[in-house]
Amino acid sequence: MTAKVADAVRDDSNDADRNKSSGLLMADAFGGSVKAHFENAEPGKAKGELTFIGMTGLSDLEGRLNPGERKLLMKQLGGFLKAISFEGDSAAQLNPEQFGLLHDAGLDVDGVKAQLSDFAREADPKGIGVSVTTESAGVSDLEVDGQDMAQALLYTIQQVAKERNTTGAKTLKVNISDRLMAAAEHIAQVKMIIATGQFDIAYQPIVALSDQKTHHFEALVRLNDSLTSMNPFNFICFAEDNGLIESFDIALCHKLINRITTYSGGGAVLPIAMNISGRSIDSDSFVDSLRGIIAANPGLNKKLLFEITETARISDLVRANNVIASLRKEGFEVCLDDFGAGQSAFEYLKALEVDFVKIDGQYVVNATESDKGKAFLVAMSGLCRDLGVATIAEFVENKETVAFLKECGVGFAQGYLFGKADAAADLSGGGPAVINARRKGAKESWG
């Protein structure tokens, strides 16, 4: 017996989960309720249909109405969508002009479009109204595991909710059936790759600019094209969005430790930096698993660093800093990745006590192209130096950039000049290298 959406909403939703104007659920609350409804369903037996509704021009219409008229229209739209939704509370306003509706398969969607159009036209003092479009999918058509289907639904809802704000699109372009199937397939692929360990690691050197000797390596993920069409960056982001990144980071840690302990090169293994998602750092279960791995493998603190990535935002910086402090207390060094690329970079630097900051490669490129860019890089490296944090620059491909970085006060560098990522790298600090894509995503100009 599956959970009922309306029951889940009544139990879990509050005013913060609802749009104040329409009274409809917000994207996250709606997605969570849809997921709760479908996650225990057997393949092919899920009941219900998901429809996305676009009302292009609704924001303009609201601007033509006085506050009372606007409030009345939104309550009318919200009340109608709730009334026709599954169990009376399975409708959402995903963004200003897009809505989500979980409903019985027999609902007359064309009739819904007509009614919404009528509401808008009747409310509009100019009689223009809005353009209503819909995209629907019968969820029972998806022959996939209930949990994977539920997660695919949640992911699709979240992506549609984001798109209008990130792309500026004013029309509904969903193709929901294809999206749901693609999401479900990607979820199955990621789970399989994690469970079987069918991914590889390449190693790219990070050098000290003072003597240009390799200081440590960064472990970079390689994926088999026959197993997934996603590149490493998309793979990581997708795993983060679908709650799979913790399992992947643990799988990566095990594989990396195995490489370190079985390495038979000509010298001692230099330290290797392992990327950890900000979402994993937020997870108690991940941190507990990581501590268990560390306890079972004494001596790793001289061979392993942790590089915290910003593809997923850290929600609790105080807690994250406590985790970082505990790792550093055990002798592990910690790096903050892609500094300068995200909006939260300086917030992270203020809150998190780390050993290294890796300056985003595009930031480095921009700094070499203008006096203003150079001034920012000098200020950034100076701030880090004052905080006792070493700086690593990405995208270093020529000697001129090395000279520039040394002038700016940057201490370490990574890029093609010093070596491309190589799965067969000599981890003692030398050997040939081959082109590859780093974990954060494929880059044409470097490894």
Protein backbone atom coordinates (compact mmCIF):
# COMPACT_ATOMS: atom_id res chain seq x y z
CA MET A 1 0.00 0.00 0.00
CA THR A 2 1.56 3.31 -1.02
CA ALA A 3 1.62 6.41 1.14
CA LYS A 4 -1.08 8.94 0.30
CA VAL A 5 0.12 12.32 -0.90
CA ALA A 6 -2.48 14.27 0.98
CA ASP A 7 -1.63 12.50 4.21
CA ALA A 8 2.06 13.28 3.73
CA VAL A 9 1.26 16.92 3.10
CA ARG A 10 -0.99 17.25 6.13
CA ASP A 11 1.67 15.71 8.34
CA ASP A 12 4.71 17.57 7.03
CA SER A 13 3.74 20.83 5.36
CA ASN A 14 3.56 24.23 7.01
CA ASP A 15 3.25 27.83 5.89
CA ALA A 16 6.89 27.85 4.77
CA ASP A 17 6.08 25.00 2.35
CA ARG A 18 3.36 26.97 0.57
CA ASN A 19 3.22 29.88 -1.83
CA LYS A 20 1.62 32.76 0.08
CA SER A 21 -0.40 33.99 -2.89
CA SER A 22 -1.83 30.75 -4.27
CA GLY A 23 -1.74 28.58 -1.14
CA LEU A 24 -0.17 25.83 -3.25
CA LEU A 25 2.79 23.75 -2.19
CA MET A 26 6.29 24.96 -3.03
CA ALA A 27 8.51 22.78 -5.23
CA ASP A 28 10.40 20.94 -2.47
CA ALA A 29 7.29 20.13 -0.45
CA PHE A 30 5.44 18.99 -3.57
CA GLY A 31 8.37 16.87 -4.72
CA GLY A 32 8.68 15.27 -1.32
CA SER A 33 4.99 14.44 -1.25
CA VAL A 34 5.05 12.96 -4.75
CA LYS A 35 8.11 10.92 -3.80
CA ALA A 36 6.36 9.63 -0.67
CA HIS A 37 3.38 8.54 -2.75
CA PHE A 38 5.32 6.54 -5.31
CA GLU A 39 8.43 5.18 -3.59
CA ASN A 40 6.80 1.90 -2.49
CA ALA A 41 4.88 1.28 -5.70
CA GLU A 42 5.63 -1.84 -7.73
CA PRO A 43 6.87 -1.29 -11.29
CA GLY A 44 3.95 -0.60 -13.63
CA LYS A 45 1.41 -0.39 -10.79
CA ALA A 46 1.82 3.21 -9.63
CA LYS A 47 -1.43 5.16 -9.72
CA GLY A 48 -1.62 8.76 -10.78
CA GLU A 49 -0.42 11.13 -13.45
CA LEU A 50 1.93 14.09 -13.15
CA THR A 51 1.23 17.24 -15.17
CA PHE A 52 3.27 20.41 -15.44
CA ILE A 53 1.27 23.53 -16.31
CA GLY A 54 2.80 26.65 -17.80
CA MET A 55 0.92 29.95 -17.59
CA THR A 56 3.03 32.26 -19.73
CA GLY A 57 2.15 35.89 -19.07
CA LEU A 58 0.83 35.34 -15.54
CA SER A 59 3.46 37.64 -14.03
CA ASP A 60 2.51 40.39 -16.50
CA LEU A 61 -1.16 39.86 -15.71
CA GLU A 62 -0.51 40.20 -11.99
CA GLY A 63 1.20 43.52 -12.73
CA ARG A 64 -2.00 44.79 -14.38
CA LEU A 65 -4.13 43.99 -11.33
CA ASN A 66 -4.54 45.88 -8.07
CA PRO A 67 -3.56 44.01 -4.87
CA GLY A 68 -7.10 42.83 -4.16
CA GLU A 69 -7.67 41.57 -7.70
CA ARG A 70 -4.28 39.85 -7.74
CA LYS A 71 -4.98 38.10 -4.44
CA LEU A 72 -8.39 36.96 -5.65
CA LEU A 73 -6.99 35.53 -8.91
CA MET A 74 -4.20 33.59 -7.22
CA LYS A 75 -6.57 32.15 -4.61
CA GLN A 76 -8.92 31.16 -7.44
CA LEU A 77 -6.14 29.42 -9.38
CA GLY A 78 -4.78 27.74 -6.27
CA GLY A 79 -8.16 26.57 -5.06
CA PHE A 80 -9.04 25.11 -8.46
CA LEU A 81 -5.77 23.20 -8.84
CA LYS A 82 -5.99 21.81 -5.32
CA ALA A 83 -9.57 20.69 -5.90
CA ILE A 84 -8.69 18.66 -9.00
CA SER A 85 -5.44 17.27 -7.58
CA PHE A 86 -4.99 13.85 -6.03
CA GLU A 87 -6.71 13.80 -2.61
CA GLY A 88 -7.20 17.56 -2.74
CA ASP A 89 -3.71 18.78 -1.84
CA SER A 90 -1.26 17.61 -4.48
CA ALA A 91 -0.74 20.78 -6.49
CA ALA A 92 2.20 23.17 -6.44
CA GLN A 93 3.37 26.53 -7.71
CA LEU A 94 6.88 25.71 -8.86
CA ASN A 95 7.82 29.25 -9.92
CA PRO A 96 5.87 32.40 -10.85
CA GLU A 97 4.44 30.94 -14.06
CA GLN A 98 4.69 27.16 -13.69
CA PHE A 99 2.61 24.74 -11.68
CA GLY A 100 2.69 21.03 -10.87
CA LEU A 101 -0.29 18.74 -10.48
CA LEU A 102 -0.55 15.12 -9.36
CA HIS A 103 -3.95 13.80 -10.36
CA ASP A 104 -6.00 10.77 -11.31
CA ALA A 105 -5.30 9.41 -14.76
CA GLY A 106 -8.86 10.19 -15.94
CA LEU A 107 -8.58 13.97 -15.44
CA ASP A 108 -9.55 16.05 -18.50
CA VAL A 109 -6.29 18.00 -18.87
CA ASP A 110 -7.59 19.95 -21.90
CA GLY A 111 -10.52 21.03 -19.78
CA VAL A 112 -8.13 22.18 -17.08
CA LYS A 113 -6.24 24.30 -19.62
CA ALA A 114 -9.49 25.90 -20.78
CA GLN A 115 -10.61 26.67 -17.23
CA LEU A 116 -7.30 28.26 -16.27
CA SER A 117 -7.39 30.35 -19.44
CA ASP A 118 -10.90 31.52 -18.56
CA PHE A 119 -9.89 32.49 -15.03
CA ALA A 120 -7.02 34.61 -16.34
CA ARG A 121 -8.93 36.25 -19.18
CA GLU A 122 -11.88 37.14 -16.93
CA ALA A 123 -9.55 38.69 -14.35
CA ASP A 124 -7.55 40.69 -16.90
CA PRO A 125 -8.78 44.30 -17.34
CA LYS A 126 -7.38 44.16 -20.89
CA GLY A 127 -8.94 40.78 -21.63
CA ILE A 128 -5.58 39.35 -22.76
CA GLY A 129 -5.21 36.57 -20.23
CA VAL A 130 -2.33 34.10 -20.40
CA SER A 131 -1.07 31.27 -22.61
CA VAL A 132 -1.59 27.90 -20.90
CA THR A 133 0.46 24.86 -21.86
CA THR A 134 0.69 21.42 -20.26
CA GLU A 135 2.96 18.38 -20.29
CA SER A 136 1.75 15.14 -18.72
CA ALA A 137 3.10 11.66 -18.04
CA GLY A 138 1.35 8.56 -16.84
CA VAL A 139 3.66 7.40 -14.07
CA SER A 140 2.37 3.84 -14.33
CA ASP A 141 4.02 3.68 -17.76
CA LEU A 142 7.47 3.76 -16.16
CA GLU A 143 8.60 0.17 -15.69
CA VAL A 144 11.21 0.96 -13.03
CA ASP A 145 11.74 0.33 -9.34
CA GLY A 146 9.39 2.36 -7.14
CA GLN A 147 12.15 4.11 -5.26
CA ASP A 148 14.01 5.01 -8.46
CA MET A 149 10.79 6.26 -10.03
CA ALA A 150 9.96 8.33 -6.96
CA GLN A 151 13.42 9.88 -6.94
CA ALA A 152 13.20 10.54 -10.69
CA LEU A 153 9.89 12.36 -10.14
CA LEU A 154 11.38 14.45 -7.35
CA TYR A 155 14.43 15.31 -9.45
CA THR A 156 12.31 16.30 -12.47
CA ILE A 157 10.05 18.51 -10.36
CA GLN A 158 13.06 20.28 -8.84
CA GLN A 159 14.69 20.82 -12.23
CA VAL A 160 11.53 22.29 -13.78
CA ALA A 161 11.15 24.58 -10.77
CA LYS A 162 14.68 25.90 -11.26
CA GLU A 163 14.63 26.40 -14.99
CA ARG A 164 12.65 29.60 -15.35
CA ASN A 165 14.96 31.42 -12.94
CA THR A 166 18.21 30.00 -14.32
CA THR A 167 17.46 30.13 -18.05
CA GLY A 168 14.97 32.96 -18.26
CA ALA A 169 12.60 30.69 -20.20
CA LYS A 170 9.03 31.95 -20.28
CA THR A 171 7.46 28.91 -21.90
CA LEU A 172 7.00 25.40 -20.58
CA LYS A 173 9.43 23.06 -22.31
CA VAL A 174 9.36 19.90 -20.27
CA ASN A 175 8.85 16.75 -22.35
CA ILE A 176 8.14 15.11 -19.02
CA SER A 177 7.94 11.48 -20.13
CA ASP A 178 11.41 11.60 -21.68
CA ARG A 179 12.79 13.45 -18.70
CA LEU A 180 11.39 11.03 -16.18
CA MET A 181 12.71 8.05 -18.10
CA ALA A 182 16.15 9.65 -18.50
CA ALA A 183 16.29 10.52 -14.80
CA ALA A 184 15.29 7.00 -13.79
CA GLU A 185 17.91 5.52 -16.12
CA HIS A 186 20.62 7.83 -14.77
CA ILE A 187 19.70 6.93 -11.19
CA ALA A 188 20.03 3.24 -12.02
CA GLN A 189 23.38 3.89 -13.76
CA VAL A 190 24.80 5.84 -10.81
CA LYS A 191 23.69 3.16 -8.35
CA MET A 192 25.28 0.43 -10.48
CA ILE A 193 28.56 2.32 -10.87
CA ILE A 194 28.75 2.88 -7.11
CA ALA A 195 27.81 -0.71 -6.23
CA THR A 196 30.28 -2.28 -8.65
CA GLY A 197 33.05 0.31 -8.34
CA GLN A 198 33.18 0.66 -12.13
CA PHE A 199 34.94 3.99 -12.24
CA ASP A 200 38.61 4.85 -12.44
CA ILE A 201 40.85 7.40 -10.80
CA ALA A 202 43.46 9.56 -12.51
CA TYR A 203 46.03 11.62 -10.66
CA GLN A 204 47.15 15.16 -11.46
CA PRO A 205 50.16 16.74 -9.74
CA ILE A 206 50.01 19.90 -7.67
CA VAL A 207 53.40 21.58 -7.42
CA ALA A 208 55.03 24.10 -5.11
CA LEU A 209 55.90 27.19 -7.14
CA SER A 210 58.94 27.82 -4.96
CA ASP A 211 60.82 24.81 -6.39
CA GLN A 212 58.26 23.37 -8.89
CA LYS A 213 58.40 19.97 -7.19
CA THR A 214 55.24 17.89 -6.84
CA HIS A 215 53.71 18.49 -3.43
CA HIS A 216 50.69 16.18 -3.79
CA PHE A 217 48.24 14.79 -6.34
CA GLU A 218 44.53 15.33 -6.86
CA ALA A 219 42.43 12.20 -7.46
CA LEU A 220 40.17 12.77 -10.47
CA VAL A 221 37.29 10.53 -11.48
CA ARG A 222 37.09 8.81 -14.88
CA LEU A 223 33.86 7.24 -16.11
CA ASN A 224 33.36 4.49 -18.66
CA ASP A 225 31.39 5.85 -21.63
CA SER A 226 29.69 2.47 -22.07
CA LEU A 227 28.16 2.71 -18.59
CA THR A 228 26.87 6.29 -18.62
CA SER A 229 26.56 9.21 -21.01
CA MET A 230 27.22 11.68 -18.19
CA ASN A 231 30.58 13.41 -17.93
CA PRO A 232 32.22 13.52 -14.47
CA PHE A 233 30.81 16.94 -13.60
CA ASN A 234 27.24 16.00 -14.50
CA PHE A 235 27.65 12.65 -12.78
CA ILE A 236 28.66 14.31 -9.50
CA CYS A 237 25.93 16.96 -9.68
CA PHE A 238 23.31 14.32 -10.49
CA ALA A 239 24.48 12.15 -7.60
CA GLU A 240 24.25 15.16 -5.28
CA ASP A 241 20.74 16.06 -6.46
CA ASN A 242 19.50 12.50 -6.01
CA GLY A 243 20.96 11.64 -2.63
CA LEU A 244 23.63 9.30 -4.00
CA ILE A 245 26.76 11.36 -3.49
CA GLU A 246 27.52 10.08 0.01
CA SER A 247 27.68 6.51 -1.26
CA PHE A 248 29.85 7.55 -4.17
CA ASP A 249 32.27 9.50 -1.97
CA ILE A 250 32.63 6.46 0.31
CA ALA A 251 33.22 4.21 -2.73
CA LEU A 252 35.83 6.67 -4.00
CA CYS A 253 37.54 6.70 -0.61
CA HIS A 254 37.76 2.89 -0.51
CA LYS A 255 39.15 2.71 -4.05
CA LEU A 256 41.68 5.45 -3.37
CA ILE A 257 42.90 3.80 -0.17
CA ASN A 258 43.28 0.52 -2.01
CA ARG A 259 45.41 2.28 -4.63
CA ILE A 260 47.57 3.87 -1.94
CA THR A 261 48.09 0.67 0.03
CA THR A 262 48.84 -1.49 -3.01
CA TYR A 263 51.01 1.02 -4.87
CA SER A 264 54.24 -0.57 -6.02
CA GLY A 265 56.02 2.42 -7.56
CA GLY A 266 59.63 3.35 -7.11
CA GLY A 267 59.22 5.54 -4.05
CA ALA A 268 56.98 6.58 -1.18
CA VAL A 269 53.48 7.71 -2.16
CA LEU A 270 53.00 11.46 -2.11
CA PRO A 271 49.78 12.71 -0.47
CA ILE A 272 46.63 12.44 -2.60
CA ALA A 273 43.70 14.84 -2.37
CA MET A 274 40.24 13.24 -2.43
CA ASN A 275 37.23 15.35 -3.38
CA ILE A 276 34.32 15.33 -0.93
CA SER A 277 30.97 16.90 -1.77
CA GLY A 278 29.64 19.63 0.49
CA ARG A 279 26.50 17.51 0.72
CA SER A 280 28.50 14.59 2.11
CA ILE A 281 30.10 16.81 4.73
CA ASP A 282 26.55 17.76 5.78
CA SER A 283 25.69 14.10 6.42
CA ASP A 284 26.21 12.44 9.81
CA SER A 285 26.13 8.98 8.22
CA PHE A 286 28.87 9.92 5.77
CA VAL A 287 31.06 11.43 8.47
CA ASP A 288 30.59 8.34 10.66
CA SER A 289 31.52 6.08 7.72
CA LEU A 290 34.58 8.19 6.92
CA ARG A 291 35.75 8.06 10.52
CA GLY A 292 35.32 4.29 10.48
CA ILE A 293 37.48 4.02 7.36
CA ILE A 294 40.15 6.24 8.91
CA ALA A 295 40.16 4.17 12.12
CA ALA A 296 40.55 0.97 10.12
CA ASN A 297 43.48 2.36 8.10
CA PRO A 298 46.01 3.97 10.46
CA GLY A 299 48.64 6.18 8.91
CA LEU A 300 46.43 7.63 6.18
CA ASN A 301 46.95 11.17 7.45
CA LYS A 302 50.33 11.36 5.72
CA LYS A 303 48.95 10.00 2.45
CA LEU A 304 45.46 11.49 2.10
CA LEU A 305 44.07 15.03 1.95
CA PHE A 306 40.43 16.04 1.70
CA GLU A 307 39.24 18.59 -0.85
CA ILE A 308 35.75 19.95 -0.19
CA THR A 309 33.88 20.82 -3.37
CA GLU A 310 31.18 23.46 -3.77
CA THR A 311 28.91 21.83 -6.33
CA ALA A 312 26.45 21.36 -3.45
CA ARG A 313 26.18 24.08 -0.83
CA ILE A 314 27.07 23.23 2.77
CA SER A 315 23.98 23.95 4.88
CA ASP A 316 25.56 24.03 8.36
CA LEU A 317 28.97 25.71 8.29
CA VAL A 318 29.51 25.48 12.06
CA ARG A 319 28.97 21.73 12.00
CA ALA A 320 31.10 21.38 8.87
CA ASN A 321 33.94 23.25 10.53
CA ASN A 322 33.75 20.90 13.51
CA VAL A 323 34.11 17.96 11.12
CA ILE A 324 37.07 19.66 9.41
CA ALA A 325 38.65 20.44 12.79
CA SER A 326 38.40 16.79 13.82
CA LEU A 327 40.08 15.68 10.58
CA ARG A 328 42.88 18.23 10.99
CA LYS A 329 43.36 17.17 14.60
CA GLU A 330 44.07 13.65 13.32
CA GLY A 331 46.70 15.06 10.96
CA PHE A 332 44.69 15.30 7.73
CA GLU A 333 45.02 18.47 5.68
CA VAL A 334 41.87 19.95 4.16
CA CYS A 335 41.45 22.04 1.01
CA LEU A 336 38.54 24.27 -0.06
CA ASP A 337 38.01 23.72 -3.79
CA ASP A 338 37.13 26.20 -6.57
CA PHE A 339 37.50 29.33 -4.47
CA GLY A 340 36.19 32.37 -6.34
CA ALA A 341 33.75 30.41 -8.49
CA GLY A 342 30.75 30.32 -6.15
CA GLN A 343 28.82 33.01 -4.33
CA SER A 344 29.59 31.42 -0.97
CA ALA A 345 33.39 31.32 -1.39
CA PHE A 346 34.27 34.06 1.09
CA GLU A 347 31.57 32.88 3.48
CA TYR A 348 33.21 29.46 3.44
CA LEU A 349 36.68 30.92 3.96
CA LYS A 350 35.43 32.87 6.96
CA ALA A 351 33.68 29.90 8.54
CA LEU A 352 35.91 26.95 7.64
CA GLU A 353 39.44 26.55 8.99
CA VAL A 354 41.32 24.82 6.17
CA ASP A 355 44.92 24.32 5.10
CA PHE A 356 44.58 25.08 1.37
CA VAL A 357 42.34 27.12 -0.87
CA LYS A 358 42.21 26.13 -4.53
CA ILE A 359 41.57 29.16 -6.73
CA ASP A 360 39.14 28.44 -9.55
CA GLY A 361 40.87 28.10 -12.92
CA GLN A 362 38.69 30.61 -14.74
CA TYR A 363 39.39 33.10 -11.98
CA VAL A 364 43.11 32.61 -12.62
CA VAL A 365 42.65 33.06 -16.39
CA ASN A 366 40.67 36.26 -15.85
CA ALA A 367 43.32 37.57 -13.47
CA THR A 368 45.99 37.28 -16.16
CA GLU A 369 43.90 39.31 -18.60
CA SER A 370 43.26 42.53 -16.69
CA ASP A 371 44.77 44.75 -14.01
CA LYS A 372 41.54 44.54 -12.05
CA GLY A 373 41.63 40.74 -12.18
CA LYS A 374 45.22 40.74 -10.98
CA ALA A 375 44.35 43.08 -8.11
CA PHE A 376 41.62 40.70 -6.96
CA LEU A 377 43.98 37.72 -7.13
CA VAL A 378 46.66 39.58 -5.16
CA ALA A 379 44.07 40.54 -2.54
CA MET A 380 42.73 36.99 -2.37
CA SER A 381 46.14 35.39 -1.94
CA GLY A 382 47.09 38.04 0.64
CA LEU A 383 43.95 37.37 2.64
CA CYS A 384 44.64 33.63 2.61
CA ARG A 385 48.25 34.20 3.61
CA ASP A 386 47.13 36.35 6.56
CA LEU A 387 44.80 33.53 7.61
CA GLY A 388 47.59 30.97 7.37
CA VAL A 389 46.01 29.24 4.37
CA ALA A 390 48.07 28.16 1.35
CA THR A 391 46.77 28.91 -2.15
CA ILE A 392 46.65 26.60 -5.19
CA ALA A 393 45.97 27.98 -8.67
CA GLU A 394 44.32 25.93 -11.43
CA PHE A 395 44.67 26.16 -15.24
CA VAL A 396 48.44 26.73 -15.22
CA GLU A 397 49.63 25.95 -18.73
CA ASN A 398 52.74 28.07 -19.37
CA LYS A 399 55.76 29.59 -17.65
CA GLU A 400 54.36 33.12 -17.98
CA THR A 401 51.44 32.15 -15.75
CA VAL A 402 53.86 30.72 -13.19
CA ALA A 403 55.74 34.00 -13.02
CA PHE A 404 52.44 35.88 -12.75
CA LEU A 405 51.20 33.66 -9.90
CA LYS A 406 54.44 34.00 -7.95
CA GLU A 407 54.18 37.77 -8.31
CA CYS A 408 50.62 37.57 -6.93
CA GLY A 409 51.77 35.53 -3.93
CA VAL A 410 50.21 32.19 -4.89
CA GLY A 411 52.12 29.23 -3.46
CA PHE A 412 51.02 26.16 -5.46
CA ALA A 413 49.76 25.37 -8.94
CA GLN A 414 48.02 22.67 -10.98
CA GLY A 415 47.70 22.40 -14.75
CA TYR A 416 49.03 21.04 -18.02
CA LEU A 417 52.42 22.67 -17.53
CA PHE A 418 53.13 20.29 -14.67
CA GLY A 419 51.26 17.25 -15.91
CA LYS A 420 47.90 15.98 -17.05
CA ALA A 421 45.77 13.56 -15.09
CA ASP A 422 46.98 9.96 -15.46
CA ALA A 423 45.51 6.76 -14.06
CA ALA A 424 48.97 5.17 -14.16
CA ALA A 425 50.82 8.12 -12.63
CA ASP A 426 54.01 7.56 -10.65
CA LEU A 427 52.63 8.55 -7.25
CA SER A 428 56.13 9.12 -5.92
CA GLY A 429 56.15 12.32 -7.96
CA GLY A 430 57.24 11.63 -11.53
CA GLY A 431 56.45 9.70 -14.71
CA PRO A 432 54.49 10.27 -17.91
CA ALA A 433 50.93 11.64 -18.04
CA VAL A 434 47.93 11.50 -20.38
CA ILE A 435 44.98 13.82 -21.04
CA ASN A 436 41.87 13.23 -18.93
CA ALA A 437 38.89 15.04 -17.39
CA ARG A 438 39.03 16.02 -13.75
CA ARG A 439 36.23 15.13 -11.37
CA LYS A 440 34.61 18.58 -11.47
CA GLY A 441 33.97 18.19 -15.21
CA ALA A 442 35.51 17.76 -18.61
CA LYS A 443 37.72 20.68 -19.65
CA GLU A 444 39.12 20.96 -23.14
CA SER A 445 42.12 22.98 -22.06
CA TRP A 446 43.42 20.90 -19.19
CA GLY A 447 43.10 17.67 -17.23
